[in-house]
Amino acid sequence: MGRIKRKQGLAEGVVAPEIMQQARRSLQTDKVKPAAKKCFVCGSPVAPNSAEGLCWVCRRLKISAWQEVEQQISAQE
């Protein structure tokens, strides 16, 4: 029986080089995560919807304090 001749480069040519590069780049960006911002009051991670740089607890306390002040002002009038 004769030997079966394999095509050279078949294993290398299964996935296009552009796709391999794209996959490598996406893995690199997944590994590098930006440092999470910290709440400037307590140091916890900042809430995603916070423009003030507050965690969700400190943000909620701030909103509650504003509501309390508004109620006191309206009661005095």
PDB file of N, CA and C in Angstrom:
ATOM      1  N   MET A   1       0.846  -1.194   0.000  1.00  0.00           N
ATOM      2  CA  MET A   1       0.000   0.000   0.000  1.00  0.00           C
ATOM      3  C   MET A   1       0.883   1.247   0.000  1.00  0.00           C
ATOM      4  N   GLY A   2       0.450   2.218  -0.714  1.00  0.00           N
ATOM      5  CA  GLY A   2       1.203   3.454  -0.792  1.00  0.00           C
ATOM      6  C   GLY A   2       0.814   4.417   0.320  1.00  0.00           C
ATOM      7  N   ARG A   3       1.670   5.303   0.569  1.00  0.00           N
ATOM      8  CA  ARG A   3       1.396   6.316   1.595  1.00  0.00           C
ATOM      9  C   ARG A   3       0.421   7.356   1.044  1.00  0.00           C
ATOM     10  N   ILE A   4      -0.447   7.836   1.930  1.00  0.00           N
ATOM     11  CA  ILE A   4      -1.392   8.887   1.543  1.00  0.00           C
ATOM     12  C   ILE A   4      -0.686  10.219   1.752  1.00  0.00           C
ATOM     13  N   LYS A   5      -0.672  11.000   0.737  1.00  0.00           N
ATOM     14  CA  LYS A   5      -0.001  12.291   0.805  1.00  0.00           C
ATOM     15  C   LYS A   5      -0.979  13.343   1.340  1.00  0.00           C
ATOM     16  N   ARG A   6      -0.578  13.990   2.434  1.00  0.00           N
ATOM     17  CA  ARG A   6      -1.437  15.036   3.005  1.00  0.00           C
ATOM     18  C   ARG A   6      -1.083  16.381   2.408  1.00  0.00           C
ATOM     19  N   LYS A   7      -2.079  17.186   2.275  1.00  0.00           N
ATOM     20  CA  LYS A   7      -1.837  18.534   1.759  1.00  0.00           C
ATOM     21  C   LYS A   7      -1.140  19.354   2.845  1.00  0.00           C
ATOM     22  N   GLN A   8      -0.121  20.047   2.460  1.00  0.00           N
ATOM     23  CA  GLN A   8       0.599  20.874   3.411  1.00  0.00           C
ATOM     24  C   GLN A   8      -0.194  22.141   3.682  1.00  0.00           C
ATOM     25  N   GLY A   9      -0.190  22.555   4.937  1.00  0.00           N
ATOM     26  CA  GLY A   9      -0.856  23.793   5.313  1.00  0.00           C
ATOM     27  C   GLY A   9      -2.349  23.662   5.521  1.00  0.00           C
ATOM     28  N   LEU A  10      -2.887  22.472   5.457  1.00  0.00           N
ATOM     29  CA  LEU A  10      -4.322  22.296   5.636  1.00  0.00           C
ATOM     30  C   LEU A  10      -4.738  22.697   7.047  1.00  0.00           C
ATOM     31  N   ALA A  11      -3.989  22.260   8.053  1.00  0.00           N
ATOM     32  CA  ALA A  11      -4.330  22.585   9.438  1.00  0.00           C
ATOM     33  C   ALA A  11      -4.213  24.082   9.690  1.00  0.00           C
ATOM     34  N   GLU A  12      -3.257  24.710   9.049  1.00  0.00           N
ATOM     35  CA  GLU A  12      -3.068  26.144   9.253  1.00  0.00           C
ATOM     36  C   GLU A  12      -4.140  26.966   8.528  1.00  0.00           C
ATOM     37  N   GLY A  13      -4.649  26.443   7.438  1.00  0.00           N
ATOM     38  CA  GLY A  13      -5.585  27.211   6.629  1.00  0.00           C
ATOM     39  C   GLY A  13      -7.041  27.023   6.989  1.00  0.00           C
ATOM     40  N   VAL A  14      -7.346  26.320   8.087  1.00  0.00           N
ATOM     41  CA  VAL A  14      -8.736  26.076   8.460  1.00  0.00           C
ATOM     42  C   VAL A  14      -9.412  27.375   8.883  1.00  0.00           C
ATOM     43  N   VAL A  15      -8.706  28.181   9.661  1.00  0.00           N
ATOM     44  CA  VAL A  15      -9.254  29.461  10.124  1.00  0.00           C
ATOM     45  C   VAL A  15      -8.445  30.569   9.471  1.00  0.00           C
ATOM     46  N   ALA A  16      -9.137  31.517   8.913  1.00  0.00           N
ATOM     47  CA  ALA A  16      -8.470  32.628   8.238  1.00  0.00           C
ATOM     48  C   ALA A  16      -7.600  33.405   9.227  1.00  0.00           C
ATOM     49  N   PRO A  17      -6.426  33.866   8.799  1.00  0.00           N
ATOM     50  CA  PRO A  17      -5.527  34.604   9.696  1.00  0.00           C
ATOM     51  C   PRO A  17      -6.168  35.874  10.272  1.00  0.00           C
ATOM     52  N   GLU A  18      -7.049  36.521   9.504  1.00  0.00           N
ATOM     53  CA  GLU A  18      -7.710  37.736   9.995  1.00  0.00           C
ATOM     54  C   GLU A  18      -8.608  37.418  11.191  1.00  0.00           C
ATOM     55  N   ILE A  19      -9.289  36.287  11.108  1.00  0.00           N
ATOM     56  CA  ILE A  19     -10.183  35.882  12.195  1.00  0.00           C
ATOM     57  C   ILE A  19      -9.366  35.533  13.440  1.00  0.00           C
ATOM     58  N   MET A  20      -8.221  34.871  13.245  1.00  0.00           N
ATOM     59  CA  MET A  20      -7.359  34.535  14.378  1.00  0.00           C
ATOM     60  C   MET A  20      -6.835  35.793  15.058  1.00  0.00           C
ATOM     61  N   GLN A  21      -6.431  36.790  14.273  1.00  0.00           N
ATOM     62  CA  GLN A  21      -5.942  38.045  14.839  1.00  0.00           C
ATOM     63  C   GLN A  21      -7.039  38.748  15.619  1.00  0.00           C
ATOM     64  N   GLN A  22      -8.234  38.752  15.064  1.00  0.00           N
ATOM     65  CA  GLN A  22      -9.372  39.386  15.723  1.00  0.00           C
ATOM     66  C   GLN A  22      -9.663  38.697  17.051  1.00  0.00           C
ATOM     67  N   ALA A  23      -9.600  37.377  17.062  1.00  0.00           N
ATOM     68  CA  ALA A  23      -9.843  36.614  18.285  1.00  0.00           C
ATOM     69  C   ALA A  23      -8.776  36.910  19.330  1.00  0.00           C
ATOM     70  N   ARG A  24      -7.524  37.002  18.905  1.00  0.00           N
ATOM     71  CA  ARG A  24      -6.437  37.312  19.846  1.00  0.00           C
ATOM     72  C   ARG A  24      -6.614  38.697  20.450  1.00  0.00           C
ATOM     73  N   ARG A  25      -6.995  39.661  19.607  1.00  0.00           N
ATOM     74  CA  ARG A  25      -7.212  41.031  20.108  1.00  0.00           C
ATOM     75  C   ARG A  25      -8.353  41.082  21.103  1.00  0.00           C
ATOM     76  N   SER A  26      -9.436  40.349  20.842  1.00  0.00           N
ATOM     77  CA  SER A  26     -10.581  40.371  21.758  1.00  0.00           C
ATOM     78  C   SER A  26     -10.216  39.734  23.089  1.00  0.00           C
ATOM     79  N   LEU A  27      -9.359  38.722  23.078  1.00  0.00           N
ATOM     80  CA  LEU A  27      -8.909  38.120  24.335  1.00  0.00           C
ATOM     81  C   LEU A  27      -8.075  39.095  25.144  1.00  0.00           C
ATOM     82  N   GLN A  28      -7.235  39.860  24.473  1.00  0.00           N
ATOM     83  CA  GLN A  28      -6.405  40.828  25.168  1.00  0.00           C
ATOM     84  C   GLN A  28      -7.247  41.917  25.808  1.00  0.00           C
ATOM     85  N   THR A  29      -8.267  42.389  25.122  1.00  0.00           N
ATOM     86  CA  THR A  29      -9.106  43.444  25.697  1.00  0.00           C
ATOM     87  C   THR A  29      -9.961  42.915  26.833  1.00  0.00           C
ATOM     88  N   ASP A  30     -10.314  41.619  26.801  1.00  0.00           N
ATOM     89  CA  ASP A  30     -11.076  41.033  27.897  1.00  0.00           C
ATOM     90  C   ASP A  30     -10.236  40.938  29.162  1.00  0.00           C
ATOM     91  N   LYS A  31      -8.954  40.701  29.020  1.00  0.00           N
ATOM     92  CA  LYS A  31      -8.077  40.554  30.175  1.00  0.00           C
ATOM     93  C   LYS A  31      -7.811  41.882  30.859  1.00  0.00           C
ATOM     94  N   VAL A  32      -7.725  42.955  30.087  1.00  0.00           N
ATOM     95  CA  VAL A  32      -7.404  44.266  30.635  1.00  0.00           C
ATOM     96  C   VAL A  32      -8.704  44.985  30.964  1.00  0.00           C
ATOM     97  N   LYS A  33      -9.011  45.048  32.234  1.00  0.00           N
ATOM     98  CA  LYS A  33     -10.228  45.740  32.656  1.00  0.00           C
ATOM     99  C   LYS A  33      -9.832  47.085  33.267  1.00  0.00           C
ATOM    100  N   PRO A  34     -10.582  48.125  32.948  1.00  0.00           N
ATOM    101  CA  PRO A  34     -10.262  49.416  33.548  1.00  0.00           C
ATOM    102  C   PRO A  34     -10.531  49.389  35.041  1.00  0.00           C
ATOM    103  N   ALA A  35      -9.755  50.156  35.762  1.00  0.00           N
ATOM    104  CA  ALA A  35      -9.929  50.224  37.211  1.00  0.00           C
ATOM    105  C   ALA A  35     -11.302  50.822  37.527  1.00  0.00           C
ATOM    106  N   ALA A  36     -12.030  50.166  38.408  1.00  0.00           N
ATOM    107  CA  ALA A  36     -13.358  50.643  38.786  1.00  0.00           C
ATOM    108  C   ALA A  36     -13.212  51.932  39.596  1.00  0.00           C
ATOM    109  N   LYS A  37     -14.061  52.879  39.292  1.00  0.00           N
ATOM    110  CA  LYS A  37     -14.041  54.132  40.041  1.00  0.00           C
ATOM    111  C   LYS A  37     -14.579  53.878  41.432  1.00  0.00           C
ATOM    112  N   LYS A  38     -14.042  54.612  42.382  1.00  0.00           N
ATOM    113  CA  LYS A  38     -14.449  54.461  43.774  1.00  0.00           C
ATOM    114  C   LYS A  38     -15.277  55.663  44.208  1.00  0.00           C
ATOM    115  N   CYS A  39     -16.254  55.397  45.073  1.00  0.00           N
ATOM    116  CA  CYS A  39     -17.083  56.456  45.653  1.00  0.00           C
ATOM    117  C   CYS A  39     -16.179  57.364  46.477  1.00  0.00           C
ATOM    118  N   PHE A  40     -16.305  58.670  46.279  1.00  0.00           N
ATOM    119  CA  PHE A  40     -15.427  59.578  47.008  1.00  0.00           C
ATOM    120  C   PHE A  40     -15.845  59.736  48.466  1.00  0.00           C
ATOM    121  N   VAL A  41     -16.998  59.197  48.874  1.00  0.00           N
ATOM    122  CA  VAL A  41     -17.432  59.264  50.263  1.00  0.00           C
ATOM    123  C   VAL A  41     -16.982  58.030  51.038  1.00  0.00           C
ATOM    124  N   CYS A  42     -17.304  56.834  50.516  1.00  0.00           N
ATOM    125  CA  CYS A  42     -17.036  55.605  51.274  1.00  0.00           C
ATOM    126  C   CYS A  42     -16.036  54.661  50.617  1.00  0.00           C
ATOM    127  N   GLY A  43     -15.686  54.868  49.348  1.00  0.00           N
ATOM    128  CA  GLY A  43     -14.710  54.027  48.677  1.00  0.00           C
ATOM    129  C   GLY A  43     -15.281  52.809  47.976  1.00  0.00           C
ATOM    130  N   SER A  44     -16.582  52.615  47.998  1.00  0.00           N
ATOM    131  CA  SER A  44     -17.207  51.495  47.288  1.00  0.00           C
ATOM    132  C   SER A  44     -17.216  51.785  45.788  1.00  0.00           C
ATOM    133  N   PRO A  45     -17.456  50.769  44.944  1.00  0.00           N
ATOM    134  CA  PRO A  45     -17.537  51.030  43.502  1.00  0.00           C
ATOM    135  C   PRO A  45     -18.664  52.007  43.173  1.00  0.00           C
ATOM    136  N   VAL A  46     -18.411  52.884  42.214  1.00  0.00           N
ATOM    137  CA  VAL A  46     -19.370  53.914  41.817  1.00  0.00           C
ATOM    138  C   VAL A  46     -20.544  53.270  41.088  1.00  0.00           C
ATOM    139  N   ALA A  47     -21.744  53.769  41.350  1.00  0.00           N
ATOM    140  CA  ALA A  47     -22.946  53.303  40.664  1.00  0.00           C
ATOM    141  C   ALA A  47     -22.833  53.660  39.185  1.00  0.00           C
ATOM    142  N   PRO A  48     -23.285  52.768  38.298  1.00  0.00           N
ATOM    143  CA  PRO A  48     -23.145  53.036  36.856  1.00  0.00           C
ATOM    144  C   PRO A  48     -23.904  54.268  36.381  1.00  0.00           C
ATOM    145  N   ASN A  49     -24.964  54.643  37.053  1.00  0.00           N
ATOM    146  CA  ASN A  49     -25.756  55.793  36.628  1.00  0.00           C
ATOM    147  C   ASN A  49     -25.436  57.055  37.437  1.00  0.00           C
ATOM    148  N   SER A  50     -24.337  57.048  38.172  1.00  0.00           N
ATOM    149  CA  SER A  50     -23.988  58.177  39.015  1.00  0.00           C
ATOM    150  C   SER A  50     -23.031  59.121  38.305  1.00  0.00           C
ATOM    151  N   ALA A  51     -23.441  60.368  38.147  1.00  0.00           N
ATOM    152  CA  ALA A  51     -22.575  61.384  37.542  1.00  0.00           C
ATOM    153  C   ALA A  51     -21.750  62.087  38.614  1.00  0.00           C
ATOM    154  N   GLU A  52     -22.128  61.904  39.894  1.00  0.00           N
ATOM    155  CA  GLU A  52     -21.460  62.597  40.999  1.00  0.00           C
ATOM    156  C   GLU A  52     -20.264  61.845  41.543  1.00  0.00           C
ATOM    157  N   GLY A  53     -20.064  60.589  41.120  1.00  0.00           N
ATOM    158  CA  GLY A  53     -18.965  59.792  41.668  1.00  0.00           C
ATOM    159  C   GLY A  53     -19.326  59.153  42.993  1.00  0.00           C
ATOM    160  N   LEU A  54     -20.603  58.751  43.140  1.00  0.00           N
ATOM    161  CA  LEU A  54     -21.074  58.139  44.381  1.00  0.00           C
ATOM    162  C   LEU A  54     -21.510  56.703  44.136  1.00  0.00           C
ATOM    163  N   CYS A  55     -21.366  55.856  45.165  1.00  0.00           N
ATOM    164  CA  CYS A  55     -21.906  54.497  45.077  1.00  0.00           C
ATOM    165  C   CYS A  55     -23.423  54.595  45.217  1.00  0.00           C
ATOM    166  N   TRP A  56     -24.106  53.485  45.019  1.00  0.00           N
ATOM    167  CA  TRP A  56     -25.571  53.554  45.043  1.00  0.00           C
ATOM    168  C   TRP A  56     -26.105  53.888  46.426  1.00  0.00           C
ATOM    169  N   VAL A  57     -25.401  53.479  47.499  1.00  0.00           N
ATOM    170  CA  VAL A  57     -25.872  53.777  48.864  1.00  0.00           C
ATOM    171  C   VAL A  57     -25.730  55.271  49.147  1.00  0.00           C
ATOM    172  N   CYS A  58     -24.546  55.822  48.883  1.00  0.00           N
ATOM    173  CA  CYS A  58     -24.327  57.250  49.139  1.00  0.00           C
ATOM    174  C   CYS A  58     -25.211  58.112  48.240  1.00  0.00           C
ATOM    175  N   ARG A  59     -25.428  57.657  47.013  1.00  0.00           N
ATOM    176  CA  ARG A  59     -26.304  58.392  46.101  1.00  0.00           C
ATOM    177  C   ARG A  59     -27.734  58.421  46.634  1.00  0.00           C
ATOM    178  N   ARG A  60     -28.185  57.275  47.142  1.00  0.00           N
ATOM    179  CA  ARG A  60     -29.540  57.185  47.699  1.00  0.00           C
ATOM    180  C   ARG A  60     -29.665  58.053  48.956  1.00  0.00           C
ATOM    181  N   LEU A  61     -28.632  58.054  49.793  1.00  0.00           N
ATOM    182  CA  LEU A  61     -28.647  58.899  50.991  1.00  0.00           C
ATOM    183  C   LEU A  61     -28.702  60.382  50.611  1.00  0.00           C
ATOM    184  N   LYS A  62     -27.988  60.752  49.575  1.00  0.00           N
ATOM    185  CA  LYS A  62     -27.992  62.144  49.115  1.00  0.00           C
ATOM    186  C   LYS A  62     -29.386  62.539  48.619  1.00  0.00           C
ATOM    187  N   ILE A  63     -30.004  61.665  47.829  1.00  0.00           N
ATOM    188  CA  ILE A  63     -31.351  61.941  47.318  1.00  0.00           C
ATOM    189  C   ILE A  63     -32.341  62.044  48.474  1.00  0.00           C
ATOM    190  N   SER A  64     -32.225  61.142  49.452  1.00  0.00           N
ATOM    191  CA  SER A  64     -33.119  61.186  50.626  1.00  0.00           C
ATOM    192  C   SER A  64     -32.922  62.471  51.414  1.00  0.00           C
ATOM    193  N   ALA A  65     -31.679  62.901  51.554  1.00  0.00           N
ATOM    194  CA  ALA A  65     -31.399  64.141  52.288  1.00  0.00           C
ATOM    195  C   ALA A  65     -32.015  65.334  51.569  1.00  0.00           C
ATOM    196  N   TRP A  66     -31.924  65.363  50.231  1.00  0.00           N
ATOM    197  CA  TRP A  66     -32.546  66.449  49.480  1.00  0.00           C
ATOM    198  C   TRP A  66     -34.052  66.470  49.702  1.00  0.00           C
ATOM    199  N   GLN A  67     -34.685  65.289  49.683  1.00  0.00           N
ATOM    200  CA  GLN A  67     -36.134  65.216  49.890  1.00  0.00           C
ATOM    201  C   GLN A  67     -36.506  65.690  51.290  1.00  0.00           C
ATOM    202  N   GLU A  68     -35.692  65.333  52.273  1.00  0.00           N
ATOM    203  CA  GLU A  68     -35.948  65.758  53.652  1.00  0.00           C
ATOM    204  C   GLU A  68     -35.866  67.277  53.777  1.00  0.00           C
ATOM    205  N   VAL A  69     -34.847  67.866  53.161  1.00  0.00           N
ATOM    206  CA  VAL A  69     -34.666  69.319  53.220  1.00  0.00           C
ATOM    207  C   VAL A  69     -35.843  70.012  52.552  1.00  0.00           C
ATOM    208  N   GLU A  70     -36.298  69.507  51.421  1.00  0.00           N
ATOM    209  CA  GLU A  70     -37.440  70.101  50.722  1.00  0.00           C
ATOM    210  C   GLU A  70     -38.706  70.026  51.571  1.00  0.00           C
ATOM    211  N   GLN A  71     -38.902  68.916  52.289  1.00  0.00           N
ATOM    212  CA  GLN A  71     -40.075  68.778  53.156  1.00  0.00           C
ATOM    213  C   GLN A  71     -40.013  69.749  54.327  1.00  0.00           C
ATOM    214  N   GLN A  72     -38.808  69.939  54.887  1.00  0.00           N
ATOM    215  CA  GLN A  72     -38.656  70.879  56.014  1.00  0.00           C
ATOM    216  C   GLN A  72     -38.893  72.303  55.569  1.00  0.00           C
ATOM    217  N   ILE A  73     -38.425  72.653  54.399  1.00  0.00           N
ATOM    218  CA  ILE A  73     -38.618  74.003  53.875  1.00  0.00           C
ATOM    219  C   ILE A  73     -40.103  74.269  53.618  1.00  0.00           C
ATOM    220  N   SER A  74     -40.807  73.295  53.036  1.00  0.00           N
ATOM    221  CA  SER A  74     -42.217  73.506  52.767  1.00  0.00           C
ATOM    222  C   SER A  74     -43.034  73.534  54.063  1.00  0.00           C
ATOM    223  N   ALA A  75     -42.599  72.846  55.104  1.00  0.00           N
ATOM    224  CA  ALA A  75     -43.304  72.856  56.378  1.00  0.00           C
ATOM    225  C   ALA A  75     -43.123  74.202  57.092  1.00  0.00           C
ATOM    226  N   GLN A  76     -41.985  74.848  56.903  1.00  0.00           N
ATOM    227  CA  GLN A  76     -41.704  76.131  57.541  1.00  0.00           C
ATOM    228  C   GLN A  76     -42.501  77.255  56.882  1.00  0.00           C
ATOM    229  N   GLU A  77     -42.856  77.078  55.619  1.00  0.00           N
ATOM    230  CA  GLU A  77     -43.578  78.147  54.904  1.00  0.00           C
ATOM    231  C   GLU A  77     -44.984  78.120  55.277  1.00  0.00           C
TER     232      GLU A  77
END
